[in-house]
Protein backbone atom coordinates (compact mmCIF):
# COMPACT_ATOMS: atom_id res chain seq x y z
CA MET A 1 56.03 18.42 49.82
CA GLY A 2 59.54 19.85 50.17
CA ALA A 3 61.23 16.43 50.06
CA LEU A 4 59.22 15.53 46.97
CA VAL A 5 60.01 18.83 45.26
CA GLU A 6 63.70 18.42 46.07
CA ASP A 7 63.87 14.96 44.45
CA ALA A 8 60.72 13.57 42.85
CA ARG A 9 62.55 10.29 42.24
CA SER A 10 62.79 9.59 45.98
CA THR A 11 60.88 6.56 47.16
CA TYR A 12 58.00 6.97 49.58
CA ALA A 13 60.17 5.20 52.18
CA GLU A 14 63.02 7.71 51.68
CA ILE A 15 60.64 10.66 51.98
CA GLY A 16 58.97 9.08 55.00
CA HIS A 17 62.34 8.65 56.70
CA GLN A 18 63.13 12.35 56.13
CA ILE A 19 59.85 13.61 57.53
CA GLY A 20 59.00 10.93 60.09
CA LEU A 21 56.16 9.12 58.33
CA SER A 22 55.70 5.58 57.04
CA ALA A 23 55.91 4.91 53.30
CA PRO A 24 52.15 4.14 53.09
CA ALA A 25 51.35 7.43 54.88
CA VAL A 26 53.55 9.36 52.42
CA LYS A 27 51.86 7.59 49.48
CA ARG A 28 48.40 8.51 50.81
CA ARG A 29 49.45 12.16 51.15
CA VAL A 30 50.98 12.25 47.66
CA ASP A 31 47.85 10.61 46.23
CA ARG A 32 45.71 13.22 48.01
CA LEU A 33 47.90 16.05 46.66
CA LEU A 34 47.62 14.60 43.14
CA SER A 35 43.84 14.18 43.31
CA SER A 36 43.35 17.69 44.69
CA GLY A 37 45.46 19.19 41.93
CA ALA A 38 48.13 20.53 44.31
CA ILE A 39 50.65 18.34 42.47
CA THR A 40 50.12 18.69 38.74
CA GLY A 41 52.75 16.23 37.52
CA PHE A 42 56.34 15.08 37.67
CA THR A 43 59.02 16.27 35.28
CA ALA A 44 62.74 16.09 34.67
CA ARG A 45 64.68 19.35 34.95
CA VAL A 46 67.26 19.56 32.20
CA GLU A 47 70.22 21.90 32.48
CA PRO A 48 69.74 24.24 29.48
CA SER A 49 73.48 24.44 28.87
CA ALA A 50 73.47 20.66 28.28
CA LEU A 51 71.26 21.41 25.27
CA GLY A 52 73.55 24.22 24.17
CA TRP A 53 71.03 26.89 25.16
CA THR A 54 73.17 29.16 27.34
CA THR A 55 71.62 32.56 26.62
CA GLU A 56 68.45 33.86 28.28
CA ALA A 57 66.37 36.91 27.51
CA TYR A 58 63.14 38.50 28.66
CA VAL A 59 61.04 40.07 25.94
CA GLU A 60 58.16 42.47 26.48
CA LEU A 61 55.45 42.31 23.80
CA PHE A 62 53.42 45.36 22.89
CA CYS A 63 50.33 44.28 20.99
CA ARG A 64 47.89 45.92 18.61
CA GLY A 65 44.36 46.74 19.75
CA LYS A 66 42.55 44.20 21.84
CA THR A 67 44.76 41.16 21.25
CA SER A 68 43.55 38.44 23.62
CA PRO A 69 45.89 36.60 25.97
CA ALA A 70 44.80 33.36 24.27
CA GLU A 71 45.92 34.68 20.87
CA ILE A 72 49.29 35.71 22.31
CA GLY A 73 49.67 32.33 24.00
CA VAL A 74 48.94 30.35 20.84
CA ALA A 75 51.40 32.43 18.82
CA VAL A 76 54.32 32.31 21.24
CA ALA A 77 53.82 28.60 22.05
CA ARG A 78 54.92 27.85 18.47
CA HIS A 79 58.46 28.89 19.43
CA PRO A 80 60.30 26.23 21.45
CA GLU A 81 62.72 28.87 22.72
CA VAL A 82 59.90 30.54 24.68
CA ILE A 83 59.99 28.74 28.01
CA SER A 84 57.34 30.87 29.71
CA ALA A 85 54.94 33.65 28.84
CA CYS A 86 52.55 35.72 30.91
CA THR A 87 50.36 38.78 30.65
CA ILE A 88 51.56 41.64 32.82
CA THR A 89 50.56 45.03 34.17
CA GLY A 90 52.14 48.17 32.81
CA GLU A 91 52.70 49.28 29.24
CA ALA A 92 53.59 45.90 27.75
CA ASP A 93 50.90 43.30 27.14
CA ALA A 94 53.01 40.21 27.76
CA LEU A 95 56.41 39.11 29.02
CA LEU A 96 58.27 36.18 27.45
CA HIS A 97 61.21 34.25 28.87
CA ILE A 98 63.44 32.92 26.09
CA ARG A 99 66.36 30.48 26.14
CA ALA A 100 68.63 30.20 23.12
CA LYS A 101 72.12 29.10 22.11
CA ASP A 102 73.50 32.63 21.70
CA VAL A 103 72.55 36.28 21.19
CA ARG A 104 72.06 35.80 17.44
CA HIS A 105 69.60 32.97 18.16
CA VAL A 106 67.72 35.25 20.60
CA GLU A 107 67.59 37.90 17.89
CA GLN A 108 66.15 35.42 15.39
CA VAL A 109 63.47 34.34 17.86
CA ILE A 110 62.52 37.97 18.56
CA GLU A 111 62.34 38.65 14.82
CA ARG A 112 60.00 35.68 14.32
CA ILE A 113 57.77 36.75 17.22
CA ALA A 114 57.80 40.39 16.10
CA SER A 115 56.49 39.29 12.71
CA GLU A 116 53.20 38.14 14.28
CA PRO A 117 50.45 40.42 12.93
CA PHE A 118 49.36 41.62 16.38
CA VAL A 119 52.85 42.61 17.60
CA VAL A 120 53.51 46.36 17.43
CA ARG A 121 56.94 46.26 19.04
CA THR A 122 59.15 44.37 21.46
CA LYS A 123 61.57 45.37 24.19
CA SER A 124 64.17 42.86 25.30
CA ALA A 125 66.76 42.34 28.02
CA ILE A 126 69.51 39.71 27.96
CA VAL A 127 70.16 37.92 31.26
CA LEU A 128 73.73 38.38 32.47
CA SER A 129 73.62 36.12 35.53
CA ARG A 130 70.94 34.24 37.45
CA LEU A 131 70.82 35.35 41.08
CA ILE A 132 68.14 32.98 42.39
CA ASP A 133 67.55 29.51 40.97
CA ASP A 134 63.77 29.01 40.84
CA ALA A 135 64.02 25.28 41.67
CA ALA A 136 65.98 25.90 44.85
CA HIS A 137 63.75 28.85 45.72
CA ALA A 138 60.59 26.75 45.24
CA ARG A 139 61.84 24.21 47.81
CA ASP A 140 62.18 26.81 50.56
CA GLY A 141 59.39 26.31 53.06
CA ALA A 142 57.66 23.55 51.07
CA SER A 143 56.42 20.70 53.24
CA LEU A 144 54.58 17.47 52.62
CA LEU A 145 52.51 18.16 55.72
CA PRO A 146 49.32 20.23 55.23
């Protein structure tokens, strides 16, 4: 799976050459991974700075009462700047990852999210530099072979 993760546009023949399998054998394995749900789709990775979104922040959400994860998810999904969201352990109820064009844009996004009726408060941190690129990290150890 590593060769496919590294470049999903590679042909089955190219992947087969890298890992020592024929193109039909690679296709069968990819089809099996798709049908089993191990591969959930293919996407293009866009460099955020190409879109002008060069600032990242992580925002902890502290919610009122028994706010459900589904309610949080629906609310934060309305904001295109929120690129991921998860519930977490600890004091906060959820953690959001935001990308924006600048600090003022991050502030505006946080203000919009903080205005949700279930949000009691937020706590944010601006990313200074990215130490590990998740795409490169995800490739480590991945293999097309079971």
